[in-house]
């Protein structure tokens, strides 16, 4: 095959690939992403119960069965109450200790 035919073939393949990708995303379909759906309150509760690690701007809090003794000022009872002094997070779905 001569050089011009190879270049033309590569161009056609590239153009077909790009067009196919644009067509997939223009239709809003993707083989890698599933459509969103609203989960039930039971499913949400199950997700919370299976959470092993909570990461936020103040650090990583890992689920534990043996909570260390800490000062009351170092305990948060809600994710929104976590601050730079929090060492222990106690929720209705588990106890999490800050990883040092």
C-alpha atoms as a PDB file:
ATOM      1  CA  UNK A   1       0.000   0.000   0.000  1.00  0.00           C
ATOM      2  CA  UNK A   2       1.446   3.341  -0.867  1.00  0.00           C
ATOM      3  CA  UNK A   3       1.948   6.172   1.606  1.00  0.00           C
ATOM      4  CA  UNK A   4      -1.091   8.233   0.504  1.00  0.00           C
ATOM      5  CA  UNK A   5      -3.477   5.272   0.866  1.00  0.00           C
ATOM      6  CA  UNK A   6      -2.146   4.579   4.390  1.00  0.00           C
ATOM      7  CA  UNK A   7      -2.659   8.212   5.393  1.00  0.00           C
ATOM      8  CA  UNK A   8      -6.169   8.227   3.923  1.00  0.00           C
ATOM      9  CA  UNK A   9      -7.025   4.962   5.706  1.00  0.00           C
ATOM     10  CA  UNK A  10      -5.744   6.282   9.064  1.00  0.00           C
ATOM     11  CA  UNK A  11      -7.757   9.484   8.548  1.00  0.00           C
ATOM     12  CA  UNK A  12     -10.957   7.559   7.833  1.00  0.00           C
ATOM     13  CA  UNK A  13     -10.469   5.318  10.879  1.00  0.00           C
ATOM     14  CA  UNK A  14      -9.822   8.334  13.146  1.00  0.00           C
ATOM     15  CA  UNK A  15     -12.823  10.203  11.782  1.00  0.00           C
ATOM     16  CA  UNK A  16     -15.065   7.168  12.247  1.00  0.00           C
ATOM     17  CA  UNK A  17     -13.863   6.735  15.833  1.00  0.00           C
ATOM     18  CA  UNK A  18     -14.469  10.380  16.697  1.00  0.00           C
ATOM     19  CA  UNK A  19     -17.888  10.393  15.015  1.00  0.00           C
ATOM     20  CA  UNK A  20     -18.923   7.253  16.869  1.00  0.00           C
ATOM     21  CA  UNK A  21     -17.875   8.739  20.205  1.00  0.00           C
ATOM     22  CA  UNK A  22     -19.734  11.972  19.520  1.00  0.00           C
ATOM     23  CA  UNK A  23     -22.815  10.018  18.461  1.00  0.00           C
ATOM     24  CA  UNK A  24     -22.820   7.972  21.688  1.00  0.00           C
ATOM     25  CA  UNK A  25     -22.567  11.040  23.920  1.00  0.00           C
ATOM     26  CA  UNK A  26     -24.939  13.126  21.789  1.00  0.00           C
ATOM     27  CA  UNK A  27     -27.633  10.529  22.450  1.00  0.00           C
ATOM     28  CA  UNK A  28     -26.839  10.680  26.164  1.00  0.00           C
ATOM     29  CA  UNK A  29     -25.839   7.036  26.226  1.00  0.00           C
ATOM     30  CA  UNK A  30     -22.574   5.643  27.466  1.00  0.00           C
ATOM     31  CA  UNK A  31     -21.476   2.069  27.959  1.00  0.00           C
ATOM     32  CA  UNK A  32     -19.681   3.123  31.167  1.00  0.00           C
ATOM     33  CA  UNK A  33     -22.387   5.092  32.965  1.00  0.00           C
ATOM     34  CA  UNK A  34     -25.773   3.806  34.037  1.00  0.00           C
ATOM     35  CA  UNK A  35     -28.813   6.070  34.304  1.00  0.00           C
ATOM     36  CA  UNK A  36     -29.407   7.760  37.646  1.00  0.00           C
ATOM     37  CA  UNK A  37     -32.165   6.483  39.849  1.00  0.00           C
ATOM     38  CA  UNK A  38     -33.520   7.544  43.194  1.00  0.00           C
ATOM     39  CA  UNK A  39     -32.775   5.040  45.949  1.00  0.00           C
ATOM     40  CA  UNK A  40     -35.261   4.118  48.621  1.00  0.00           C
ATOM     41  CA  UNK A  41     -34.805   5.064  52.267  1.00  0.00           C
ATOM     42  CA  UNK A  42     -34.127   1.386  53.022  1.00  0.00           C
ATOM     43  CA  UNK A  43     -31.350   1.298  50.406  1.00  0.00           C
ATOM     44  CA  UNK A  44     -29.879   4.515  51.812  1.00  0.00           C
ATOM     45  CA  UNK A  45     -29.924   3.087  55.337  1.00  0.00           C
ATOM     46  CA  UNK A  46     -28.181  -0.070  54.080  1.00  0.00           C
ATOM     47  CA  UNK A  47     -25.495   2.051  52.419  1.00  0.00           C
ATOM     48  CA  UNK A  48     -24.901   3.925  55.678  1.00  0.00           C
ATOM     49  CA  UNK A  49     -24.647   0.667  57.618  1.00  0.00           C
ATOM     50  CA  UNK A  50     -22.051  -0.660  55.179  1.00  0.00           C
ATOM     51  CA  UNK A  51     -19.902   2.495  55.234  1.00  0.00           C
ATOM     52  CA  UNK A  52     -16.392   1.642  56.418  1.00  0.00           C
ATOM     53  CA  UNK A  53     -14.630   4.990  55.924  1.00  0.00           C
ATOM     54  CA  UNK A  54     -15.735   8.614  55.968  1.00  0.00           C
ATOM     55  CA  UNK A  55     -13.358  11.112  54.398  1.00  0.00           C
ATOM     56  CA  UNK A  56     -13.795  14.855  54.703  1.00  0.00           C
ATOM     57  CA  UNK A  57     -11.682  17.993  54.998  1.00  0.00           C
ATOM     58  CA  UNK A  58     -10.785  17.116  58.615  1.00  0.00           C
ATOM     59  CA  UNK A  59      -9.404  13.647  57.894  1.00  0.00           C
ATOM     60  CA  UNK A  60     -10.351  10.008  57.550  1.00  0.00           C
ATOM     61  CA  UNK A  61     -12.721   8.399  60.034  1.00  0.00           C
ATOM     62  CA  UNK A  62     -12.692   4.584  60.031  1.00  0.00           C
ATOM     63  CA  UNK A  63     -15.494   2.407  61.422  1.00  0.00           C
ATOM     64  CA  UNK A  64     -14.570   0.759  64.720  1.00  0.00           C
ATOM     65  CA  UNK A  65     -16.090  -1.582  67.259  1.00  0.00           C
ATOM     66  CA  UNK A  66     -13.731  -0.385  70.018  1.00  0.00           C
ATOM     67  CA  UNK A  67     -14.040   3.350  70.480  1.00  0.00           C
ATOM     68  CA  UNK A  68     -11.144   4.953  72.348  1.00  0.00           C
ATOM     69  CA  UNK A  69     -11.802   7.215  75.318  1.00  0.00           C
ATOM     70  CA  UNK A  70     -11.701  10.841  74.248  1.00  0.00           C
ATOM     71  CA  UNK A  71     -12.787  14.166  75.674  1.00  0.00           C
ATOM     72  CA  UNK A  72     -16.446  15.113  75.052  1.00  0.00           C
ATOM     73  CA  UNK A  73     -15.235  18.089  72.994  1.00  0.00           C
ATOM     74  CA  UNK A  74     -13.529  15.627  70.603  1.00  0.00           C
ATOM     75  CA  UNK A  75     -16.756  13.733  69.802  1.00  0.00           C
ATOM     76  CA  UNK A  76     -19.146  14.625  66.974  1.00  0.00           C
ATOM     77  CA  UNK A  77     -22.617  13.093  66.729  1.00  0.00           C
ATOM     78  CA  UNK A  78     -23.233  14.171  63.152  1.00  0.00           C
ATOM     79  CA  UNK A  79     -21.031  14.446  60.070  1.00  0.00           C
ATOM     80  CA  UNK A  80     -21.820  18.159  59.864  1.00  0.00           C
ATOM     81  CA  UNK A  81     -20.479  18.663  63.402  1.00  0.00           C
ATOM     82  CA  UNK A  82     -16.990  17.316  62.613  1.00  0.00           C
ATOM     83  CA  UNK A  83     -14.222  19.869  63.061  1.00  0.00           C
ATOM     84  CA  UNK A  84     -10.431  19.961  63.401  1.00  0.00           C
ATOM     85  CA  UNK A  85     -10.653  18.723  67.016  1.00  0.00           C
ATOM     86  CA  UNK A  86     -12.924  15.741  66.320  1.00  0.00           C
ATOM     87  CA  UNK A  87     -11.380  12.350  67.085  1.00  0.00           C
ATOM     88  CA  UNK A  88     -14.556  10.284  67.276  1.00  0.00           C
ATOM     89  CA  UNK A  89     -17.751  10.327  65.217  1.00  0.00           C
ATOM     90  CA  UNK A  90     -20.750   8.602  66.798  1.00  0.00           C
ATOM     91  CA  UNK A  91     -23.792   8.210  64.542  1.00  0.00           C
ATOM     92  CA  UNK A  92     -26.950   6.147  64.515  1.00  0.00           C
ATOM     93  CA  UNK A  93     -25.272   3.872  61.962  1.00  0.00           C
ATOM     94  CA  UNK A  94     -21.857   3.370  63.559  1.00  0.00           C
ATOM     95  CA  UNK A  95     -18.834   4.678  65.399  1.00  0.00           C
ATOM     96  CA  UNK A  96     -15.862   6.034  63.463  1.00  0.00           C
ATOM     97  CA  UNK A  97     -12.428   6.942  64.823  1.00  0.00           C
ATOM     98  CA  UNK A  98     -10.139   9.498  63.196  1.00  0.00           C
ATOM     99  CA  UNK A  99      -7.063   7.954  61.585  1.00  0.00           C
ATOM    100  CA  UNK A 100      -3.834   9.633  62.637  1.00  0.00           C
END
